[in-house]
Amino acid sequence: MGSGKHGLIAAAVTVVCAVTVLAAPGTAFAAPSPTPSPSASSSTVTNQDLEAVRKKLEKLYHAAAVATDEYNAAEEAAEKQSAEIVALAKKIVEGQEKLAELKKRAGAAAAAQYRSGGLPDEAHLLLSDDPQAFLDGTGRVLQGQRATKGLLAEMTRTQQDLEQYAKDASAQWQKLETGRKAKATAKKKIKKQIAAAEKLESQLEEEEKERLAKLEAQAAHKAQTAWLDSGILKDIKGKASEQGRKAVEYATAQLGKPYEWGAEGPATYDCSGLTSQAWASAGNGIPRTSQEQWKQLKRIDIEDMRPGDLIIYNDDASHVALYVGDGAIIHAPRPGRTVTVAGAGSMSILGVVRPDA
């Protein structure tokens, strides 16, 4: 391969930028080290060049994962806001119908007063020359006054409720519009990062792609081996709950399905789409994004985790996987990959959460 190709790869690597790690799928257990890659003399693109490519790809796909979480959060918020707007619209309609009925009752009362000569009930009462009628009328007047006051108070409350519903609906519309903009921005980020990664990979020949895949596997294997060598697996003995078992069964049935950002199945998934749907299938709804799963679900010590728990990765909680036992996870890694089994320690662990704690 000529020096021009080497320069093109080097230039592409230099231009690409983002943030930390989202490793490609590794193996669940400590596996034999990958076959050594060809030496630098066999190709102009050296192993050092490919390692730089690997690290840049990790950064690009990590940035895409962060943007995907932003997109998913905006999508989830939009669904809630839309539902709230529909509920408020229903309340407004009901309030308008109630106000119309109250006005009708008030109109009927005014018509009755008109038919009685325009005199209020108190005046009719004073003009009465029947003592018993006077006593009976006093009670009716008091009742009427209370009813009128109650009717006016109810009309006022209903009008106030309608005004508040309208304000709330307007606020939800504004949030919805803000969410749409955030979603569009995140979508652009995702496409930009994935396009850059695909362009970088497209510069490689098939043989170089194979060597790159070996480097990715080697990096994941190294991290998993270090995690296992810490002796952590000896302390992890928890058994899956009934719901956890169902979540693992669901995730297992999705193995081999493609990763797609923003997807929640059944044909494609992103990382949190897989975990949220796995737990939904177990009858336990959890937050849609990995960051919200980390924020809202109960945190568990790694030594106490059991199959079905979620392992959150990276300092920014941008990736999540389902722990399935024996040091292994099932996850949807990144674009260009499929739902797979990997080593739980093959990526940087932030912590563990339990949906059914």
Protein backbone atom coordinates (compact mmCIF):
# COMPACT_ATOMS: atom_id res chain seq x y z
CA MET A 1 0.00 0.00 0.00
CA GLY A 2 1.43 3.42 -0.95
CA SER A 3 2.40 6.32 1.23
CA GLY A 4 -0.65 8.24 -0.02
CA LYS A 5 -2.96 5.75 1.72
CA HIS A 6 -0.91 6.00 4.90
CA GLY A 7 -1.22 9.79 4.79
CA LEU A 8 -4.98 9.61 4.20
CA ILE A 9 -5.49 7.36 7.24
CA ALA A 10 -3.24 9.51 9.39
CA ALA A 11 -5.06 12.68 8.32
CA ALA A 12 -8.49 11.12 8.98
CA VAL A 13 -7.39 10.01 12.43
CA THR A 14 -6.06 13.48 13.25
CA VAL A 15 -9.28 15.25 12.22
CA VAL A 16 -11.66 12.97 14.15
CA CYS A 17 -12.48 14.01 17.74
CA ALA A 18 -14.94 13.37 20.67
CA VAL A 19 -14.78 11.85 24.18
CA THR A 20 -13.85 8.54 26.07
CA VAL A 21 -14.62 4.82 25.39
CA LEU A 22 -17.37 2.58 24.00
CA ALA A 23 -15.59 -0.67 23.26
CA ALA A 24 -16.71 -3.19 20.65
CA PRO A 25 -18.18 -6.48 21.90
CA GLY A 26 -15.71 -8.68 23.74
CA THR A 27 -16.11 -12.14 25.22
CA ALA A 28 -17.94 -12.91 28.41
CA PHE A 29 -15.07 -14.78 30.00
CA ALA A 30 -11.29 -14.55 29.91
CA ALA A 31 -10.63 -15.83 26.40
CA PRO A 32 -7.40 -16.69 24.61
CA SER A 33 -5.58 -13.63 23.39
CA PRO A 34 -6.34 -12.72 19.76
CA THR A 35 -3.95 -13.89 17.09
CA PRO A 36 -1.01 -11.45 16.87
CA SER A 37 -1.45 -8.86 14.17
CA PRO A 38 0.94 -8.67 11.20
CA SER A 39 4.08 -6.66 11.81
CA ALA A 40 4.53 -3.14 10.50
CA SER A 41 6.70 -4.40 7.66
CA SER A 42 3.78 -6.23 6.02
CA SER A 43 1.79 -3.04 5.44
CA THR A 44 2.26 0.68 5.14
CA VAL A 45 -0.59 1.13 7.69
CA THR A 46 1.10 -0.01 10.88
CA ASN A 47 -0.44 -1.47 14.00
CA GLN A 48 0.25 1.87 15.65
CA ASP A 49 -1.83 3.57 12.94
CA LEU A 50 -4.65 1.08 13.46
CA GLU A 51 -4.54 1.52 17.22
CA ALA A 52 -4.98 5.26 16.68
CA VAL A 53 -7.92 4.49 14.38
CA ARG A 54 -9.43 2.20 17.04
CA LYS A 55 -9.21 4.86 19.72
CA LYS A 56 -10.71 7.51 17.45
CA LEU A 57 -13.56 5.16 16.54
CA GLU A 58 -14.22 4.57 20.24
CA LYS A 59 -14.42 8.31 20.77
CA LEU A 60 -16.71 8.86 17.81
CA TYR A 61 -19.09 6.09 18.79
CA HIS A 62 -19.03 7.26 22.40
CA ALA A 63 -20.03 10.75 21.25
CA ALA A 64 -22.81 9.15 19.18
CA ALA A 65 -23.95 7.24 22.28
CA VAL A 66 -24.09 10.44 24.34
CA ALA A 67 -26.12 12.15 21.62
CA THR A 68 -28.38 9.10 21.39
CA ASP A 69 -29.16 9.42 25.11
CA GLU A 70 -30.01 13.09 24.51
CA TYR A 71 -32.26 12.10 21.61
CA ASN A 72 -33.99 9.37 23.62
CA ALA A 73 -34.51 11.70 26.59
CA ALA A 74 -36.10 14.32 24.33
CA GLU A 75 -38.29 11.64 22.75
CA GLU A 76 -39.44 10.34 26.14
CA ALA A 77 -40.15 13.88 27.37
CA ALA A 78 -42.12 14.66 24.21
CA GLU A 79 -44.33 11.61 24.75
CA LYS A 80 -45.08 12.69 28.33
CA GLN A 81 -45.72 16.29 27.31
CA SER A 82 -48.02 15.25 24.47
CA ALA A 83 -49.99 13.05 26.87
CA GLU A 84 -50.22 15.96 29.34
CA ILE A 85 -51.48 18.29 26.60
CA VAL A 86 -54.16 15.78 25.64
CA ALA A 87 -55.22 15.44 29.30
CA LEU A 88 -55.34 19.23 29.72
CA ALA A 89 -57.38 19.61 26.53
CA LYS A 90 -59.87 17.10 27.92
CA LYS A 91 -60.06 19.07 31.18
CA ILE A 92 -60.63 22.30 29.24
CA VAL A 93 -63.51 20.77 27.28
CA GLU A 94 -65.05 19.38 30.48
CA GLY A 95 -64.58 22.75 32.20
CA GLN A 96 -66.21 24.61 29.35
CA GLU A 97 -69.19 22.24 29.45
CA LYS A 98 -69.47 22.70 33.21
CA LEU A 99 -69.27 26.48 32.91
CA ALA A 100 -71.98 26.45 30.22
CA GLU A 101 -74.23 24.43 32.55
CA LEU A 102 -73.59 26.82 35.45
CA LYS A 103 -74.39 29.81 33.24
CA LYS A 104 -77.58 28.07 32.17
CA ARG A 105 -78.58 27.63 35.81
CA ALA A 106 -77.75 31.27 36.55
CA GLY A 107 -79.84 32.33 33.58
CA ALA A 108 -82.76 30.26 34.79
CA ALA A 109 -82.55 31.93 38.20
CA ALA A 110 -82.54 35.38 36.59
CA ALA A 111 -85.55 34.45 34.42
CA ALA A 112 -87.46 33.28 37.50
CA GLN A 113 -86.78 36.61 39.21
CA TYR A 114 -88.01 38.45 36.11
CA ARG A 115 -91.24 36.44 36.11
CA SER A 116 -91.83 37.40 39.74
CA GLY A 117 -91.92 41.06 38.80
CA GLY A 118 -88.28 41.78 39.19
CA LEU A 119 -88.58 41.89 42.98
CA PRO A 120 -86.06 39.89 44.95
CA ASP A 121 -87.33 37.14 47.28
CA GLU A 122 -86.68 39.36 50.32
CA ALA A 123 -89.14 41.99 49.02
CA HIS A 124 -91.86 39.40 48.35
CA LEU A 125 -91.34 38.12 51.87
CA LEU A 126 -91.84 41.56 53.48
CA LEU A 127 -95.05 42.13 51.52
CA SER A 128 -96.56 38.88 52.76
CA ASP A 129 -99.43 39.16 55.26
CA ASP A 130 -99.38 35.43 56.15
CA PRO A 131 -97.23 34.77 59.29
CA GLN A 132 -96.70 31.10 58.46
CA ALA A 133 -95.84 31.94 54.87
CA PHE A 134 -93.42 34.56 56.22
CA LEU A 135 -91.65 31.94 58.38
CA ASP A 136 -91.57 29.39 55.56
CA GLY A 137 -90.34 32.05 53.15
CA THR A 138 -87.52 33.08 55.46
CA GLY A 139 -86.08 29.56 55.23
CA ARG A 140 -86.44 29.53 51.45
CA VAL A 141 -84.74 32.93 51.15
CA LEU A 142 -81.76 31.75 53.20
CA GLN A 143 -81.54 28.60 51.12
CA GLY A 144 -81.77 30.61 47.92
CA GLN A 145 -79.08 33.00 49.04
CA ARG A 146 -76.77 30.14 49.89
CA ALA A 147 -77.52 28.45 46.55
CA THR A 148 -76.85 31.66 44.64
CA LYS A 149 -73.58 32.24 46.45
CA GLY A 150 -72.60 28.61 45.84
CA LEU A 151 -73.46 28.90 42.15
CA LEU A 152 -71.41 32.08 41.74
CA ALA A 153 -68.49 30.57 43.67
CA GLU A 154 -68.57 27.45 41.53
CA MET A 155 -68.64 29.52 38.34
CA THR A 156 -65.66 31.51 39.58
CA ARG A 157 -63.70 28.36 40.47
CA THR A 158 -64.50 26.78 37.12
CA GLN A 159 -63.37 29.90 35.28
CA GLN A 160 -60.13 29.96 37.28
CA ASP A 161 -59.54 26.27 36.56
CA LEU A 162 -60.01 26.89 32.85
CA GLU A 163 -57.50 29.74 32.90
CA GLN A 164 -54.97 27.54 34.74
CA TYR A 165 -55.50 24.63 32.33
CA ALA A 166 -54.88 26.99 29.42
CA LYS A 167 -51.65 28.27 31.03
CA ASP A 168 -50.48 24.72 31.73
CA ALA A 169 -51.22 23.64 28.17
CA SER A 170 -49.30 26.62 26.82
CA ALA A 171 -46.31 25.76 29.04
CA GLN A 172 -46.39 22.14 27.86
CA TRP A 173 -46.46 23.29 24.23
CA GLN A 174 -43.39 25.43 24.86
CA LYS A 175 -41.59 22.47 26.48
CA LEU A 176 -42.61 20.28 23.58
CA GLU A 177 -41.17 22.76 21.09
CA THR A 178 -37.93 23.00 23.09
CA GLY A 179 -37.77 19.22 23.16
CA ARG A 180 -38.24 19.01 19.41
CA LYS A 181 -35.29 21.35 18.91
CA ALA A 182 -33.14 19.33 21.34
CA LYS A 183 -34.12 16.14 19.53
CA ALA A 184 -33.22 17.61 16.15
CA THR A 185 -29.86 18.82 17.48
CA ALA A 186 -29.08 15.40 18.97
CA LYS A 187 -30.05 13.72 15.72
CA LYS A 188 -27.57 15.88 13.80
CA LYS A 189 -24.84 15.04 16.33
CA ILE A 190 -25.51 11.32 16.02
CA LYS A 191 -25.44 11.36 12.23
CA LYS A 192 -22.28 13.48 12.20
CA GLN A 193 -20.37 11.16 14.56
CA ILE A 194 -21.49 7.97 12.81
CA ALA A 195 -20.71 9.41 9.37
CA ALA A 196 -17.22 10.37 10.56
CA ALA A 197 -16.65 6.89 11.97
CA GLU A 198 -17.87 5.21 8.79
CA LYS A 199 -15.67 7.47 6.69
CA LEU A 200 -12.67 6.62 8.82
CA GLU A 201 -13.34 2.89 8.55
CA SER A 202 -13.93 3.16 4.79
CA GLN A 203 -10.29 4.22 4.35
CA LEU A 204 -9.19 0.74 5.42
CA GLU A 205 -8.69 -2.31 3.21
CA GLU A 206 -10.35 -5.58 4.22
CA GLU A 207 -7.10 -6.94 5.69
CA GLU A 208 -6.72 -3.76 7.75
CA LYS A 209 -10.32 -4.01 8.96
CA GLU A 210 -9.60 -7.55 10.14
CA ARG A 211 -6.54 -6.36 12.01
CA LEU A 212 -8.58 -3.50 13.49
CA ALA A 213 -11.23 -5.99 14.68
CA LYS A 214 -8.47 -8.02 16.36
CA LEU A 215 -7.19 -4.91 18.10
CA GLU A 216 -10.73 -4.13 19.32
CA ALA A 217 -11.14 -7.68 20.62
CA GLN A 218 -7.71 -7.51 22.22
CA ALA A 219 -8.55 -4.28 24.05
CA ALA A 220 -11.85 -5.74 25.32
CA HIS A 221 -10.10 -8.98 26.33
CA LYS A 222 -7.41 -7.08 28.22
CA ALA A 223 -9.99 -5.08 30.19
CA GLN A 224 -12.09 -8.17 30.96
CA THR A 225 -9.04 -10.15 32.07
CA ALA A 226 -7.96 -7.37 34.42
CA TRP A 227 -11.49 -7.24 35.86
CA LEU A 228 -11.58 -11.01 36.41
CA ASP A 229 -8.05 -11.09 37.80
CA SER A 230 -9.20 -8.74 40.55
CA GLY A 231 -11.09 -11.72 41.98
CA ILE A 232 -14.41 -9.91 41.67
CA LEU A 233 -16.25 -12.95 40.31
CA LYS A 234 -15.69 -14.91 43.55
CA ASP A 235 -17.81 -12.35 45.40
CA ILE A 236 -20.65 -12.19 42.86
CA LYS A 237 -23.05 -14.98 43.82
CA GLY A 238 -26.47 -13.37 43.61
CA LYS A 239 -29.29 -15.32 41.95
CA ALA A 240 -31.76 -13.68 39.59
CA SER A 241 -35.17 -12.62 40.84
CA GLU A 242 -38.20 -13.84 38.92
CA GLN A 243 -38.42 -10.53 37.06
CA GLY A 244 -34.67 -10.49 36.50
CA ARG A 245 -34.84 -13.95 34.97
CA LYS A 246 -37.56 -12.81 32.56
CA ALA A 247 -35.48 -9.73 31.60
CA VAL A 248 -32.48 -11.97 30.85
CA GLU A 249 -34.65 -14.32 28.78
CA TYR A 250 -35.93 -11.38 26.75
CA ALA A 251 -32.44 -9.99 26.13
CA THR A 252 -31.14 -13.44 25.16
CA ALA A 253 -33.88 -13.75 22.55
CA GLN A 254 -32.66 -10.50 20.92
CA LEU A 255 -29.09 -11.73 20.30
CA GLY A 256 -27.93 -11.02 16.77
CA LYS A 257 -30.36 -8.15 16.13
CA PRO A 258 -28.76 -4.96 14.78
CA TYR A 259 -27.96 -1.86 16.80
CA GLU A 260 -29.90 1.23 15.75
CA TRP A 261 -29.83 4.50 17.66
CA GLY A 262 -33.19 5.49 19.13
CA ALA A 263 -34.61 1.97 18.59
CA GLU A 264 -36.58 -0.01 21.17
CA GLY A 265 -37.18 -3.18 19.15
CA PRO A 266 -38.47 -5.53 18.19
CA ALA A 267 -36.17 -5.60 15.13
CA THR A 268 -33.40 -3.24 16.26
CA TYR A 269 -32.17 -1.71 19.52
CA ASP A 270 -29.87 0.82 21.04
CA CYS A 271 -28.29 0.05 24.41
CA SER A 272 -30.97 1.49 26.69
CA GLY A 273 -33.73 0.49 24.29
CA LEU A 274 -32.70 -3.13 24.89
CA THR A 275 -32.51 -2.85 28.69
CA SER A 276 -35.74 -0.87 29.05
CA GLN A 277 -37.65 -3.31 26.86
CA ALA A 278 -36.14 -6.33 28.64
CA TRP A 279 -37.48 -5.04 31.94
CA ALA A 280 -40.79 -3.94 30.43
CA SER A 281 -41.22 -7.55 29.26
CA ALA A 282 -40.69 -8.59 32.89
CA GLY A 283 -43.52 -6.29 33.96
CA ASN A 284 -41.38 -3.47 35.33
CA GLY A 285 -41.20 -0.20 33.43
CA ILE A 286 -37.91 1.66 33.86
CA PRO A 287 -36.52 4.94 32.46
CA ARG A 288 -35.73 4.95 28.74
CA THR A 289 -32.16 6.28 28.81
CA SER A 290 -29.01 4.90 30.42
CA GLN A 291 -28.42 8.20 32.23
CA GLU A 292 -31.90 8.19 33.77
CA GLN A 293 -31.57 4.51 34.62
CA TRP A 294 -28.42 5.45 36.53
CA LYS A 295 -30.10 8.42 38.22
CA GLN A 296 -33.43 6.84 39.15
CA LEU A 297 -32.84 3.14 39.85
CA LYS A 298 -31.42 1.76 43.09
CA ARG A 299 -27.64 1.47 43.05
CA ILE A 300 -26.06 -1.84 44.02
CA ASP A 301 -22.49 -2.75 44.93
CA ILE A 302 -20.82 -4.74 42.15
CA GLU A 303 -20.20 -7.61 44.58
CA ASP A 304 -23.97 -7.83 45.22
CA MET A 305 -25.15 -7.79 41.60
CA ARG A 306 -27.25 -10.58 40.20
CA PRO A 307 -28.51 -11.54 36.72
CA GLY A 308 -30.99 -8.96 35.48
CA ASP A 309 -29.21 -6.02 37.09
CA LEU A 310 -28.02 -3.24 34.80
CA ILE A 311 -24.36 -2.29 34.53
CA ILE A 312 -23.85 1.37 33.66
CA TYR A 313 -20.68 2.28 31.76
CA ASN A 314 -18.52 5.38 31.28
CA ASP A 315 -18.28 8.39 33.58
CA ASP A 316 -21.24 10.02 31.82
CA ALA A 317 -23.48 6.91 32.04
CA SER A 318 -23.68 6.81 28.25
CA HIS A 319 -23.89 3.02 27.92
CA VAL A 320 -25.81 0.26 29.69
CA ALA A 321 -25.90 -3.53 29.57
CA LEU A 322 -27.86 -6.34 31.21
CA TYR A 323 -25.82 -8.56 33.51
CA VAL A 324 -26.56 -12.24 32.80
CA GLY A 325 -24.21 -13.94 35.26
CA ASP A 326 -20.75 -15.54 35.25
CA GLY A 327 -19.07 -12.23 34.44
CA ALA A 328 -21.05 -11.72 31.22
CA ILE A 329 -23.44 -9.12 29.86
CA ILE A 330 -25.82 -8.81 26.93
CA HIS A 331 -25.83 -5.40 25.27
CA ALA A 332 -26.37 -3.48 22.05
CA PRO A 333 -22.84 -2.09 21.54
CA ARG A 334 -22.87 0.53 18.80
CA PRO A 335 -23.73 1.21 15.13
CA GLY A 336 -22.47 -1.54 12.88
CA ARG A 337 -22.76 -4.16 15.65
CA THR A 338 -25.47 -6.50 16.81
CA VAL A 339 -26.90 -7.39 20.22
CA THR A 340 -24.23 -9.63 21.69
CA VAL A 341 -22.73 -11.31 24.74
CA ALA A 342 -19.63 -9.59 26.13
CA GLY A 343 -17.47 -9.46 29.22
CA ALA A 344 -18.94 -7.33 31.99
CA GLY A 345 -15.53 -5.81 32.62
CA SER A 346 -14.65 -5.18 28.97
CA MET A 347 -15.67 -1.52 29.33
CA SER A 348 -15.25 1.09 32.05
CA ILE A 349 -17.88 0.34 34.73
CA LEU A 350 -19.54 3.32 36.42
CA GLY A 351 -21.84 1.26 38.64
CA VAL A 352 -24.74 -1.16 38.90
CA VAL A 353 -28.47 -0.51 39.33
CA ARG A 354 -31.35 -2.84 40.14
CA PRO A 355 -34.75 -2.22 38.52
CA ASP A 356 -36.68 -4.45 40.93
CA ALA A 357 -34.98 -3.44 44.17
